[in-house]
N, C-alpha and C. Protein backbone atom coordinates (compact mmCIF):
# COMPACT_ATOMS: atom_id res chain seq x y z
N UNK A 1 13.45 -60.83 -81.49
CA UNK A 1 13.01 -59.51 -81.65
C UNK A 1 11.74 -59.28 -80.85
N UNK A 2 11.03 -60.27 -80.72
CA UNK A 2 9.83 -60.14 -79.93
C UNK A 2 10.19 -59.83 -78.48
N UNK A 3 11.24 -60.32 -78.03
CA UNK A 3 11.66 -60.07 -76.67
C UNK A 3 12.07 -58.60 -76.50
N UNK A 4 12.73 -58.08 -77.46
CA UNK A 4 13.15 -56.68 -77.39
C UNK A 4 11.91 -55.79 -77.48
N UNK A 5 11.01 -56.19 -78.31
CA UNK A 5 9.81 -55.41 -78.45
C UNK A 5 9.01 -55.42 -77.13
N UNK A 6 8.97 -56.52 -76.49
CA UNK A 6 8.29 -56.61 -75.21
C UNK A 6 8.99 -55.71 -74.17
N UNK A 7 10.26 -55.74 -74.20
CA UNK A 7 11.01 -54.92 -73.24
C UNK A 7 10.75 -53.45 -73.53
N UNK A 8 10.72 -53.06 -74.76
CA UNK A 8 10.47 -51.66 -75.11
C UNK A 8 9.04 -51.28 -74.69
N UNK A 9 8.08 -52.11 -74.88
CA UNK A 9 6.70 -51.82 -74.51
C UNK A 9 6.61 -51.69 -72.98
N UNK A 10 7.28 -52.58 -72.32
CA UNK A 10 7.24 -52.52 -70.84
C UNK A 10 7.91 -51.21 -70.36
N UNK A 11 9.02 -50.90 -71.01
CA UNK A 11 9.71 -49.68 -70.61
C UNK A 11 8.87 -48.45 -70.93
N UNK A 12 8.22 -48.48 -72.07
CA UNK A 12 7.38 -47.34 -72.45
C UNK A 12 6.19 -47.23 -71.48
N UNK A 13 5.64 -48.31 -71.06
CA UNK A 13 4.51 -48.27 -70.14
C UNK A 13 4.95 -47.89 -68.71
N UNK A 14 6.16 -48.26 -68.33
CA UNK A 14 6.67 -47.94 -66.99
C UNK A 14 7.18 -46.49 -66.93
N UNK A 15 7.71 -46.01 -68.03
CA UNK A 15 8.30 -44.67 -68.05
C UNK A 15 7.31 -43.59 -67.61
N UNK A 16 6.06 -43.56 -68.08
CA UNK A 16 5.14 -42.51 -67.60
C UNK A 16 4.88 -42.60 -66.08
N UNK A 17 4.85 -43.80 -65.57
CA UNK A 17 4.65 -43.94 -64.13
C UNK A 17 5.86 -43.40 -63.37
N UNK A 18 7.02 -43.67 -63.87
CA UNK A 18 8.24 -43.17 -63.24
C UNK A 18 8.31 -41.66 -63.32
N UNK A 19 7.92 -41.10 -64.47
CA UNK A 19 7.96 -39.66 -64.65
C UNK A 19 7.00 -38.97 -63.68
N UNK A 20 5.81 -39.54 -63.48
CA UNK A 20 4.85 -38.94 -62.54
C UNK A 20 5.37 -39.01 -61.12
N UNK A 21 5.95 -40.09 -60.74
CA UNK A 21 6.48 -40.24 -59.39
C UNK A 21 7.67 -39.33 -59.18
N UNK A 22 8.54 -39.20 -60.13
CA UNK A 22 9.73 -38.37 -60.02
C UNK A 22 9.35 -36.90 -59.95
N UNK A 23 8.37 -36.49 -60.75
CA UNK A 23 8.00 -35.07 -60.73
C UNK A 23 7.34 -34.70 -59.40
N UNK A 24 6.57 -35.60 -58.84
CA UNK A 24 5.96 -35.32 -57.54
C UNK A 24 7.03 -35.21 -56.47
N UNK A 25 8.01 -36.02 -56.55
CA UNK A 25 9.08 -36.00 -55.55
C UNK A 25 9.87 -34.71 -55.66
N UNK A 26 10.11 -34.21 -56.85
CA UNK A 26 10.91 -33.02 -57.04
C UNK A 26 10.15 -31.75 -56.71
N UNK A 27 8.84 -31.71 -56.91
CA UNK A 27 8.09 -30.48 -56.68
C UNK A 27 7.43 -30.45 -55.29
N UNK A 28 7.41 -31.49 -54.59
CA UNK A 28 6.75 -31.47 -53.28
C UNK A 28 7.62 -30.72 -52.27
N UNK A 29 6.97 -30.15 -51.27
CA UNK A 29 7.70 -29.40 -50.24
C UNK A 29 8.33 -30.37 -49.27
N UNK A 30 9.45 -29.97 -48.74
CA UNK A 30 10.11 -30.88 -47.80
C UNK A 30 9.25 -31.02 -46.54
N UNK A 31 9.30 -32.11 -45.89
CA UNK A 31 8.47 -32.31 -44.70
C UNK A 31 8.91 -31.36 -43.58
N UNK A 32 7.95 -30.94 -42.77
CA UNK A 32 8.24 -30.05 -41.64
C UNK A 32 9.01 -30.82 -40.59
N UNK A 33 10.00 -30.15 -40.02
CA UNK A 33 10.74 -30.85 -38.97
C UNK A 33 9.85 -31.04 -37.75
N UNK A 34 10.01 -32.08 -37.06
CA UNK A 34 9.23 -32.39 -35.87
C UNK A 34 10.00 -31.86 -34.67
N UNK A 35 9.32 -31.01 -33.91
CA UNK A 35 9.96 -30.43 -32.73
C UNK A 35 9.49 -31.22 -31.53
N UNK A 36 10.43 -31.66 -30.79
CA UNK A 36 10.07 -32.43 -29.59
C UNK A 36 10.30 -31.55 -28.36
N UNK A 37 9.54 -31.76 -27.35
CA UNK A 37 9.67 -30.98 -26.12
C UNK A 37 8.30 -30.75 -25.53
N UNK A 38 8.25 -29.86 -24.52
CA UNK A 38 6.97 -29.61 -23.86
C UNK A 38 6.41 -28.30 -24.34
N UNK A 39 5.13 -28.18 -24.23
CA UNK A 39 4.45 -26.94 -24.56
C UNK A 39 4.73 -25.93 -23.44
N UNK A 40 5.29 -24.72 -23.77
CA UNK A 40 5.61 -23.78 -22.70
C UNK A 40 4.39 -23.31 -21.91
N UNK A 41 3.21 -23.39 -22.50
CA UNK A 41 2.02 -22.95 -21.78
C UNK A 41 1.65 -23.93 -20.67
N UNK A 42 2.09 -25.16 -20.80
CA UNK A 42 1.76 -26.16 -19.78
C UNK A 42 3.00 -26.57 -19.00
N UNK A 43 4.05 -25.76 -19.08
CA UNK A 43 5.27 -26.11 -18.36
C UNK A 43 5.04 -25.99 -16.86
N UNK A 44 5.67 -26.80 -16.11
CA UNK A 44 5.56 -26.79 -14.66
C UNK A 44 6.80 -26.11 -14.09
N UNK A 45 6.58 -25.16 -13.19
CA UNK A 45 7.69 -24.48 -12.54
C UNK A 45 8.08 -25.27 -11.31
N UNK A 46 9.32 -25.60 -11.25
CA UNK A 46 9.82 -26.37 -10.11
C UNK A 46 10.39 -25.37 -9.11
N UNK A 47 9.90 -25.35 -7.87
CA UNK A 47 10.40 -24.38 -6.90
C UNK A 47 11.87 -24.64 -6.58
N UNK A 48 12.56 -23.52 -6.34
CA UNK A 48 13.97 -23.66 -6.02
C UNK A 48 14.14 -24.00 -4.55
N UNK A 49 15.26 -24.49 -4.21
CA UNK A 49 15.56 -24.87 -2.83
C UNK A 49 15.90 -23.64 -1.98
N UNK A 50 16.21 -22.51 -2.65
CA UNK A 50 16.60 -21.31 -1.93
C UNK A 50 15.36 -20.61 -1.40
N UNK A 51 15.28 -20.37 -0.10
CA UNK A 51 14.09 -19.66 0.43
C UNK A 51 14.11 -18.21 -0.01
N UNK A 52 12.92 -17.71 -0.33
CA UNK A 52 12.78 -16.32 -0.75
C UNK A 52 12.66 -15.45 0.50
N UNK A 53 13.20 -14.24 0.44
CA UNK A 53 13.08 -13.37 1.62
C UNK A 53 11.62 -12.97 1.82
N UNK A 54 11.21 -12.92 3.05
CA UNK A 54 9.83 -12.53 3.35
C UNK A 54 9.79 -11.06 3.71
N UNK A 55 8.67 -10.44 3.41
CA UNK A 55 8.49 -9.04 3.75
C UNK A 55 8.00 -8.95 5.18
N UNK A 56 8.67 -8.17 5.97
CA UNK A 56 8.25 -7.98 7.35
C UNK A 56 8.05 -6.49 7.58
N UNK A 57 7.04 -6.17 8.34
CA UNK A 57 6.73 -4.79 8.66
C UNK A 57 7.29 -4.48 10.03
N UNK A 58 8.15 -3.49 10.07
CA UNK A 58 8.70 -3.05 11.34
C UNK A 58 8.09 -1.70 11.67
N UNK A 59 7.24 -1.64 12.67
CA UNK A 59 6.62 -0.35 12.99
C UNK A 59 7.66 0.63 13.53
N UNK A 60 7.52 1.84 13.10
CA UNK A 60 8.39 2.89 13.59
C UNK A 60 7.55 3.87 14.39
N UNK A 61 8.12 4.44 15.37
CA UNK A 61 7.35 5.38 16.17
C UNK A 61 7.35 6.73 15.48
N UNK A 62 6.21 7.36 15.52
CA UNK A 62 6.07 8.69 14.93
C UNK A 62 6.54 9.72 15.95
N UNK A 63 7.11 10.80 15.46
CA UNK A 63 7.52 11.82 16.41
C UNK A 63 6.30 12.40 17.10
N UNK A 64 6.42 12.59 18.37
CA UNK A 64 5.30 13.13 19.13
C UNK A 64 5.48 14.63 19.29
N UNK A 65 4.38 15.31 19.21
CA UNK A 65 4.42 16.76 19.36
C UNK A 65 4.64 17.09 20.83
N UNK A 66 5.51 18.01 21.04
CA UNK A 66 5.75 18.46 22.40
C UNK A 66 4.64 19.42 22.78
N UNK A 67 3.96 19.08 23.84
CA UNK A 67 2.85 19.93 24.28
C UNK A 67 3.42 21.19 24.91
N UNK A 68 3.03 22.29 24.33
CA UNK A 68 3.45 23.56 24.89
C UNK A 68 2.25 24.16 25.61
N UNK A 69 2.48 24.62 26.81
CA UNK A 69 1.35 25.20 27.54
C UNK A 69 0.82 26.43 26.83
N UNK A 70 -0.46 26.67 27.03
CA UNK A 70 -1.09 27.84 26.42
C UNK A 70 -0.45 29.11 26.98
N UNK A 71 -0.25 30.10 26.15
CA UNK A 71 0.34 31.34 26.65
C UNK A 71 -0.56 31.96 27.74
N UNK A 72 0.07 32.60 28.67
CA UNK A 72 -0.69 33.25 29.74
C UNK A 72 -0.04 34.59 30.08
N UNK A 73 -0.71 35.32 30.88
CA UNK A 73 -0.23 36.65 31.28
C UNK A 73 0.04 36.67 32.77
N UNK A 74 1.11 37.33 33.12
CA UNK A 74 1.40 37.56 34.54
C UNK A 74 1.35 39.07 34.78
N UNK A 75 0.75 39.45 35.88
CA UNK A 75 0.55 40.87 36.19
C UNK A 75 1.64 41.31 37.19
N UNK A 76 2.63 42.13 36.73
CA UNK A 76 3.71 42.55 37.63
C UNK A 76 3.27 43.64 38.63
N UNK A 77 2.24 44.40 38.32
CA UNK A 77 1.72 45.45 39.21
C UNK A 77 0.22 45.52 39.03
N UNK A 78 -0.48 45.95 40.03
CA UNK A 78 -1.95 46.05 39.95
C UNK A 78 -2.34 46.85 38.72
N UNK A 79 -3.38 46.40 38.02
CA UNK A 79 -3.81 47.06 36.79
C UNK A 79 -5.32 46.98 36.64
N UNK A 80 -5.80 47.54 35.56
CA UNK A 80 -7.24 47.58 35.29
C UNK A 80 -7.55 46.71 34.08
N UNK A 81 -8.62 45.97 34.17
CA UNK A 81 -9.14 45.18 33.05
C UNK A 81 -10.35 45.95 32.53
N UNK A 82 -10.39 46.21 31.23
CA UNK A 82 -11.44 47.05 30.64
C UNK A 82 -12.39 46.21 29.77
N UNK A 83 -13.55 46.77 29.50
CA UNK A 83 -14.58 46.08 28.71
C UNK A 83 -14.30 46.13 27.22
N UNK A 84 -13.41 46.99 26.77
CA UNK A 84 -13.01 47.04 25.36
C UNK A 84 -11.53 47.43 25.29
N UNK A 85 -10.84 47.11 24.18
CA UNK A 85 -9.40 47.36 24.08
C UNK A 85 -9.08 48.84 23.81
N UNK A 86 -9.25 49.65 24.85
CA UNK A 86 -9.00 51.09 24.70
C UNK A 86 -8.81 51.69 26.09
N UNK A 87 -8.01 52.72 26.18
CA UNK A 87 -7.85 53.44 27.45
C UNK A 87 -9.18 54.09 27.84
N UNK A 88 -10.02 54.30 26.87
CA UNK A 88 -11.34 54.89 27.13
C UNK A 88 -12.40 53.84 27.41
N UNK A 89 -12.01 52.54 27.37
CA UNK A 89 -12.97 51.47 27.63
C UNK A 89 -13.44 51.50 29.08
N UNK A 90 -14.64 51.07 29.31
CA UNK A 90 -15.21 51.06 30.66
C UNK A 90 -14.44 50.10 31.56
N UNK A 91 -14.35 50.48 32.79
CA UNK A 91 -13.68 49.67 33.81
C UNK A 91 -14.48 48.39 34.01
N UNK A 92 -13.76 47.22 33.97
CA UNK A 92 -14.44 45.95 34.23
C UNK A 92 -14.04 45.41 35.60
N UNK A 93 -12.73 45.47 35.88
CA UNK A 93 -12.29 44.89 37.16
C UNK A 93 -10.84 45.29 37.41
N UNK A 94 -10.47 45.41 38.64
CA UNK A 94 -9.08 45.63 39.00
C UNK A 94 -8.37 44.29 39.19
N UNK A 95 -7.11 44.19 38.75
CA UNK A 95 -6.38 42.93 38.86
C UNK A 95 -5.16 43.16 39.75
N UNK A 96 -4.95 42.30 40.72
CA UNK A 96 -3.88 42.44 41.70
C UNK A 96 -2.53 42.04 41.11
N UNK A 97 -1.48 42.53 41.74
CA UNK A 97 -0.11 42.18 41.38
C UNK A 97 0.09 40.68 41.60
N UNK A 98 0.82 40.03 40.65
CA UNK A 98 1.14 38.60 40.77
C UNK A 98 0.07 37.68 40.20
N UNK A 99 -1.05 38.21 39.77
CA UNK A 99 -2.11 37.37 39.19
C UNK A 99 -1.62 36.77 37.87
N UNK A 100 -2.05 35.56 37.60
CA UNK A 100 -1.74 34.91 36.31
C UNK A 100 -3.07 34.61 35.63
N UNK A 101 -3.17 35.07 34.38
CA UNK A 101 -4.42 34.95 33.65
C UNK A 101 -4.23 34.18 32.35
N UNK A 102 -5.25 33.40 31.99
CA UNK A 102 -5.22 32.69 30.73
C UNK A 102 -5.46 33.67 29.60
N UNK A 103 -4.64 33.57 28.56
CA UNK A 103 -4.74 34.47 27.41
C UNK A 103 -5.70 33.87 26.39
N UNK A 104 -6.81 34.56 26.12
CA UNK A 104 -7.81 34.06 25.17
C UNK A 104 -7.63 34.61 23.76
N UNK A 105 -7.14 35.85 23.65
CA UNK A 105 -7.02 36.46 22.34
C UNK A 105 -6.21 37.74 22.41
N UNK A 106 -5.99 38.32 21.24
CA UNK A 106 -5.24 39.58 21.14
C UNK A 106 -5.90 40.44 20.07
N UNK A 107 -5.69 41.78 20.16
CA UNK A 107 -6.21 42.63 19.10
C UNK A 107 -5.18 42.67 17.97
N UNK A 108 -5.54 43.27 16.83
CA UNK A 108 -4.65 43.24 15.66
C UNK A 108 -3.35 43.99 15.88
N UNK A 109 -3.34 44.91 16.78
CA UNK A 109 -2.10 45.67 17.07
C UNK A 109 -1.23 44.95 18.11
N UNK A 110 -1.79 43.93 18.76
CA UNK A 110 -1.16 43.21 19.86
C UNK A 110 -0.82 44.14 21.03
N UNK A 111 -1.58 45.23 21.15
CA UNK A 111 -1.43 46.15 22.28
C UNK A 111 -2.40 45.83 23.41
N UNK A 112 -3.40 44.98 23.13
CA UNK A 112 -4.41 44.60 24.12
C UNK A 112 -4.62 43.09 24.06
N UNK A 113 -4.84 42.51 25.24
CA UNK A 113 -5.06 41.06 25.34
C UNK A 113 -6.39 40.78 26.01
N UNK A 114 -7.09 39.79 25.45
CA UNK A 114 -8.39 39.38 25.97
C UNK A 114 -8.17 38.26 26.99
N UNK A 115 -8.74 38.43 28.19
CA UNK A 115 -8.61 37.42 29.26
C UNK A 115 -9.98 37.19 29.87
N UNK A 116 -10.10 36.11 30.66
CA UNK A 116 -11.31 35.90 31.44
C UNK A 116 -11.25 36.88 32.61
N UNK A 117 -12.31 37.62 32.80
CA UNK A 117 -12.37 38.61 33.88
C UNK A 117 -12.30 37.88 35.22
N UNK A 118 -11.21 38.10 35.97
CA UNK A 118 -11.06 37.37 37.23
C UNK A 118 -12.12 37.74 38.27
N UNK A 119 -12.77 38.86 38.11
CA UNK A 119 -13.82 39.27 39.05
C UNK A 119 -15.19 38.78 38.65
N UNK A 120 -15.30 38.04 37.55
CA UNK A 120 -16.59 37.57 37.05
C UNK A 120 -16.76 36.10 37.39
N UNK A 121 -17.92 35.75 37.89
CA UNK A 121 -18.18 34.33 38.17
C UNK A 121 -18.72 33.61 36.94
N UNK A 122 -19.20 34.35 35.94
CA UNK A 122 -19.80 33.75 34.76
C UNK A 122 -18.83 33.61 33.59
N UNK A 123 -17.55 33.85 33.79
CA UNK A 123 -16.57 33.70 32.72
C UNK A 123 -16.59 34.82 31.71
N UNK A 124 -17.04 35.99 32.13
CA UNK A 124 -17.02 37.14 31.21
C UNK A 124 -15.58 37.52 30.94
N UNK A 125 -15.38 38.22 29.84
CA UNK A 125 -14.02 38.59 29.44
C UNK A 125 -13.79 40.08 29.61
N UNK A 126 -12.48 40.43 29.63
CA UNK A 126 -12.09 41.83 29.66
C UNK A 126 -10.73 41.97 28.98
N UNK A 127 -10.31 43.21 28.73
CA UNK A 127 -9.09 43.51 27.99
C UNK A 127 -8.04 44.15 28.92
N UNK A 128 -6.78 43.74 28.75
CA UNK A 128 -5.67 44.30 29.52
C UNK A 128 -4.64 44.85 28.54
N UNK A 129 -4.10 46.02 28.82
CA UNK A 129 -3.08 46.64 27.96
C UNK A 129 -1.79 45.82 28.03
N UNK A 130 -1.13 45.63 26.89
CA UNK A 130 0.10 44.83 26.83
C UNK A 130 1.22 45.43 27.67
N UNK A 131 1.22 46.74 27.86
CA UNK A 131 2.30 47.37 28.63
C UNK A 131 2.20 47.06 30.12
N UNK A 132 1.06 46.51 30.57
CA UNK A 132 0.84 46.21 31.98
C UNK A 132 1.01 44.73 32.33
N UNK A 133 1.53 43.90 31.37
CA UNK A 133 1.61 42.45 31.61
C UNK A 133 2.97 41.91 31.18
N UNK A 134 3.28 40.73 31.67
CA UNK A 134 4.43 39.94 31.21
C UNK A 134 3.83 38.73 30.50
N UNK A 135 4.25 38.50 29.26
CA UNK A 135 3.70 37.39 28.46
C UNK A 135 4.54 36.14 28.73
N UNK A 136 3.88 35.07 29.09
CA UNK A 136 4.55 33.78 29.32
C UNK A 136 4.06 32.84 28.22
N UNK A 137 4.93 32.48 27.28
CA UNK A 137 4.57 31.62 26.16
C UNK A 137 4.70 32.36 24.84
N UNK A 138 4.23 31.72 23.81
CA UNK A 138 4.37 32.24 22.45
C UNK A 138 3.05 32.83 21.97
N UNK A 139 3.09 34.07 21.52
CA UNK A 139 1.87 34.74 21.04
C UNK A 139 1.44 34.27 19.65
N UNK A 140 2.30 33.54 18.95
CA UNK A 140 1.98 33.13 17.57
C UNK A 140 0.71 32.28 17.51
N UNK A 141 0.45 31.50 18.52
CA UNK A 141 -0.73 30.61 18.52
C UNK A 141 -1.97 31.27 19.10
N UNK A 142 -1.84 32.48 19.57
CA UNK A 142 -2.99 33.17 20.17
C UNK A 142 -3.84 33.78 19.05
N UNK A 143 -5.14 33.48 19.01
CA UNK A 143 -5.98 34.01 17.93
C UNK A 143 -6.29 35.50 18.12
N UNK A 144 -6.61 36.13 17.02
CA UNK A 144 -7.05 37.53 17.09
C UNK A 144 -8.50 37.51 17.57
N UNK A 145 -8.82 38.48 18.41
CA UNK A 145 -10.16 38.55 18.98
C UNK A 145 -10.82 39.84 18.59
N UNK A 146 -12.13 39.80 18.53
CA UNK A 146 -12.92 40.98 18.21
C UNK A 146 -13.05 41.84 19.47
N UNK A 147 -13.11 43.14 19.26
CA UNK A 147 -13.28 44.05 20.38
C UNK A 147 -14.69 43.96 20.94
N UNK A 148 -15.62 43.46 20.16
CA UNK A 148 -17.00 43.32 20.62
C UNK A 148 -17.14 41.93 21.22
N UNK A 149 -17.38 41.88 22.51
CA UNK A 149 -17.48 40.59 23.22
C UNK A 149 -18.84 40.43 23.82
């Protein structure tokens, strides 16, 4: 009987130790899985064997503006160049038939054109009536001029 009593005492003394160990095992969290591999922040990019297309600049020519000559006036018959754009304007100079004059300006009615006075050595200007000239070129680019010169 002493042997049984010893066994019971041993079992009673071991049982609390077993209970503590078993309860810890049942209530503890499962271990975290271990992930193997490389850290993506330190990953090395291996270049591919395929060459990448390179950017090349191909210059293209810009369209060039066609130079149009400045409009000018041709005198089909002898006429008068006046100091102001009016039939009542003072006589500045007579212009011979066939003369070609550079057109400097026009009045708002486009009935009179401002030209360099061909009889002036200092580049003074005078006005010619539109009915007395042939216009060579486009009047759209000719600026409006003041009658006071």
